[in-house]
Amino acid sequence: MPKSSNSTPSATKTVAYDMADQLRTPEEMAAYLDAWLTEAPDDIAGIARALGDIARAKGMAQVAKEAGLSRESLYKALSENGNPSFATILKVTKALGVQLHAGVA
């Protein structure tokens, strides 16, 4: 049955965008982290969130296990308000199979 011209439009549903859903391959994960490191190298919280996105894409429980951390502490460290130590960052990048690179500034 067609809608009448005076009916109210239906509400638009929105869903939260989750970057982790877009990271399917190790190459995509590495490119995503590299983009953060290149485009916003001073945004420590953003880089930590990017690592969190990659960890969620790979499976947070598995990454936590491989990094030798609890899942809860990994979520906390890589959250928006997290402040992971450099040692934690190194453990996580190793568990994720990505590398940090240095270059001349």
C-alpha atoms as a PDB file:
ATOM      1  CA  MET A   1       0.000   0.000   0.000  1.00  0.00           C
ATOM      2  CA  PRO A   2       1.530   3.365  -0.988  1.00  0.00           C
ATOM      3  CA  LYS A   3       2.122   5.968   1.692  1.00  0.00           C
ATOM      4  CA  SER A   4      -0.148   8.955   1.664  1.00  0.00           C
ATOM      5  CA  SER A   5       1.443  12.292   0.851  1.00  0.00           C
ATOM      6  CA  ASN A   6       0.610  13.701   4.278  1.00  0.00           C
ATOM      7  CA  SER A   7       2.260  10.943   6.313  1.00  0.00           C
ATOM      8  CA  THR A   8       5.319  11.793   8.373  1.00  0.00           C
ATOM      9  CA  PRO A   9       8.644  10.550   7.087  1.00  0.00           C
ATOM     10  CA  SER A  10      10.090   7.562   8.914  1.00  0.00           C
ATOM     11  CA  ALA A  11      12.914   8.202  11.316  1.00  0.00           C
ATOM     12  CA  THR A  12      16.403   7.681   9.973  1.00  0.00           C
ATOM     13  CA  LYS A  13      18.411   5.132  11.884  1.00  0.00           C
ATOM     14  CA  THR A  14      22.079   5.777  12.429  1.00  0.00           C
ATOM     15  CA  VAL A  15      24.696   3.344  13.593  1.00  0.00           C
ATOM     16  CA  ALA A  16      28.032   4.092  15.188  1.00  0.00           C
ATOM     17  CA  TYR A  17      30.985   3.835  12.828  1.00  0.00           C
ATOM     18  CA  ASP A  18      33.568   1.359  14.050  1.00  0.00           C
ATOM     19  CA  MET A  19      36.964   1.562  12.375  1.00  0.00           C
ATOM     20  CA  ALA A  20      37.779  -1.951  13.575  1.00  0.00           C
ATOM     21  CA  ASP A  21      35.171  -3.278  11.124  1.00  0.00           C
ATOM     22  CA  GLN A  22      37.166  -1.819   8.223  1.00  0.00           C
ATOM     23  CA  LEU A  23      40.540  -3.339   9.159  1.00  0.00           C
ATOM     24  CA  ARG A  24      40.519  -6.756   7.523  1.00  0.00           C
ATOM     25  CA  THR A  25      44.105  -7.471   6.517  1.00  0.00           C
ATOM     26  CA  PRO A  26      47.507  -7.001   8.152  1.00  0.00           C
ATOM     27  CA  GLU A  27      48.344  -4.514   5.370  1.00  0.00           C
ATOM     28  CA  GLU A  28      45.261  -2.414   6.138  1.00  0.00           C
ATOM     29  CA  MET A  29      46.096  -2.486   9.835  1.00  0.00           C
ATOM     30  CA  ALA A  30      49.696  -1.403   9.233  1.00  0.00           C
ATOM     31  CA  ALA A  31      48.610   1.341   6.807  1.00  0.00           C
ATOM     32  CA  TYR A  32      46.087   2.659   9.351  1.00  0.00           C
ATOM     33  CA  LEU A  33      48.702   2.857  12.111  1.00  0.00           C
ATOM     34  CA  ASP A  34      51.235   4.375   9.722  1.00  0.00           C
ATOM     35  CA  ALA A  35      48.727   7.069   8.750  1.00  0.00           C
ATOM     36  CA  TRP A  36      48.313   8.022  12.419  1.00  0.00           C
ATOM     37  CA  LEU A  37      52.067   8.061  12.978  1.00  0.00           C
ATOM     38  CA  THR A  38      52.608  10.195   9.877  1.00  0.00           C
ATOM     39  CA  GLU A  39      49.641  12.570  10.027  1.00  0.00           C
ATOM     40  CA  ALA A  40      49.328  13.055  13.790  1.00  0.00           C
ATOM     41  CA  PRO A  41      52.612  11.996  15.405  1.00  0.00           C
ATOM     42  CA  ASP A  42      51.969  14.154  18.491  1.00  0.00           C
ATOM     43  CA  ASP A  43      48.472  12.767  19.121  1.00  0.00           C
ATOM     44  CA  ILE A  44      49.396  10.074  21.636  1.00  0.00           C
ATOM     45  CA  ALA A  45      45.762   9.372  22.531  1.00  0.00           C
ATOM     46  CA  GLY A  46      44.857   9.039  18.834  1.00  0.00           C
ATOM     47  CA  ILE A  47      47.706   6.615  18.196  1.00  0.00           C
ATOM     48  CA  ALA A  48      46.677   4.564  21.231  1.00  0.00           C
ATOM     49  CA  ARG A  49      43.071   4.526  19.959  1.00  0.00           C
ATOM     50  CA  ALA A  50      44.338   3.399  16.540  1.00  0.00           C
ATOM     51  CA  LEU A  51      46.148   0.520  18.219  1.00  0.00           C
ATOM     52  CA  GLY A  52      42.899  -0.230  20.051  1.00  0.00           C
ATOM     53  CA  ASP A  53      40.990  -0.285  16.750  1.00  0.00           C
ATOM     54  CA  ILE A  54      43.516  -2.725  15.313  1.00  0.00           C
ATOM     55  CA  ALA A  55      43.412  -4.871  18.458  1.00  0.00           C
ATOM     56  CA  ARG A  56      39.608  -5.049  18.283  1.00  0.00           C
ATOM     57  CA  ALA A  57      39.837  -5.994  14.600  1.00  0.00           C
ATOM     58  CA  LYS A  58      42.211  -8.856  15.433  1.00  0.00           C
ATOM     59  CA  GLY A  59      40.377  -9.861  18.595  1.00  0.00           C
ATOM     60  CA  MET A  60      41.106  -8.097  21.856  1.00  0.00           C
ATOM     61  CA  ALA A  61      41.311 -11.296  23.922  1.00  0.00           C
ATOM     62  CA  GLN A  62      43.871 -12.850  21.588  1.00  0.00           C
ATOM     63  CA  VAL A  63      45.968  -9.670  21.418  1.00  0.00           C
ATOM     64  CA  ALA A  64      45.896  -9.338  25.211  1.00  0.00           C
ATOM     65  CA  LYS A  65      47.030 -12.940  25.594  1.00  0.00           C
ATOM     66  CA  GLU A  66      49.876 -12.517  23.085  1.00  0.00           C
ATOM     67  CA  ALA A  67      50.932  -9.238  24.725  1.00  0.00           C
ATOM     68  CA  GLY A  68      50.898 -10.786  28.193  1.00  0.00           C
ATOM     69  CA  LEU A  69      48.212  -8.411  29.461  1.00  0.00           C
ATOM     70  CA  SER A  70      44.695  -8.865  30.777  1.00  0.00           C
ATOM     71  CA  ARG A  71      41.934  -7.992  28.348  1.00  0.00           C
ATOM     72  CA  GLU A  72      40.599  -5.388  30.769  1.00  0.00           C
ATOM     73  CA  SER A  73      43.970  -3.646  31.157  1.00  0.00           C
ATOM     74  CA  LEU A  74      44.422  -3.644  27.378  1.00  0.00           C
ATOM     75  CA  TYR A  75      41.003  -2.051  26.857  1.00  0.00           C
ATOM     76  CA  LYS A  76      41.832   0.559  29.492  1.00  0.00           C
ATOM     77  CA  ALA A  77      45.313   1.319  28.098  1.00  0.00           C
ATOM     78  CA  LEU A  78      44.032   1.755  24.547  1.00  0.00           C
ATOM     79  CA  SER A  79      40.865   3.655  25.417  1.00  0.00           C
ATOM     80  CA  GLU A  80      40.252   7.344  24.768  1.00  0.00           C
ATOM     81  CA  ASN A  81      41.454   8.205  28.278  1.00  0.00           C
ATOM     82  CA  GLY A  82      44.153   5.542  28.447  1.00  0.00           C
ATOM     83  CA  ASN A  83      47.782   6.401  28.955  1.00  0.00           C
ATOM     84  CA  PRO A  84      49.742   3.274  28.000  1.00  0.00           C
ATOM     85  CA  SER A  85      53.408   2.974  28.847  1.00  0.00           C
ATOM     86  CA  PHE A  86      55.886   2.639  26.012  1.00  0.00           C
ATOM     87  CA  ALA A  87      56.495  -0.940  27.155  1.00  0.00           C
ATOM     88  CA  THR A  88      52.775  -1.657  26.709  1.00  0.00           C
ATOM     89  CA  ILE A  89      52.831  -0.068  23.235  1.00  0.00           C
ATOM     90  CA  LEU A  90      55.769  -2.284  22.247  1.00  0.00           C
ATOM     91  CA  LYS A  91      54.049  -5.430  23.570  1.00  0.00           C
ATOM     92  CA  VAL A  92      50.845  -4.558  21.734  1.00  0.00           C
ATOM     93  CA  THR A  93      52.529  -3.748  18.416  1.00  0.00           C
ATOM     94  CA  LYS A  94      54.396  -7.056  18.583  1.00  0.00           C
ATOM     95  CA  ALA A  95      51.162  -8.935  19.362  1.00  0.00           C
ATOM     96  CA  LEU A  96      49.430  -7.125  16.491  1.00  0.00           C
ATOM     97  CA  GLY A  97      52.213  -7.965  14.038  1.00  0.00           C
ATOM     98  CA  VAL A  98      52.917  -4.317  13.200  1.00  0.00           C
ATOM     99  CA  GLN A  99      56.127  -2.339  13.560  1.00  0.00           C
ATOM    100  CA  LEU A 100      56.913   1.238  14.479  1.00  0.00           C
ATOM    101  CA  HIS A 101      59.446   2.914  12.178  1.00  0.00           C
ATOM    102  CA  ALA A 102      61.755   5.861  12.595  1.00  0.00           C
ATOM    103  CA  GLY A 103      62.775   8.323   9.937  1.00  0.00           C
ATOM    104  CA  VAL A 104      64.517  11.646   9.678  1.00  0.00           C
ATOM    105  CA  ALA A 105      62.211  14.493  10.696  1.00  0.00           C
END
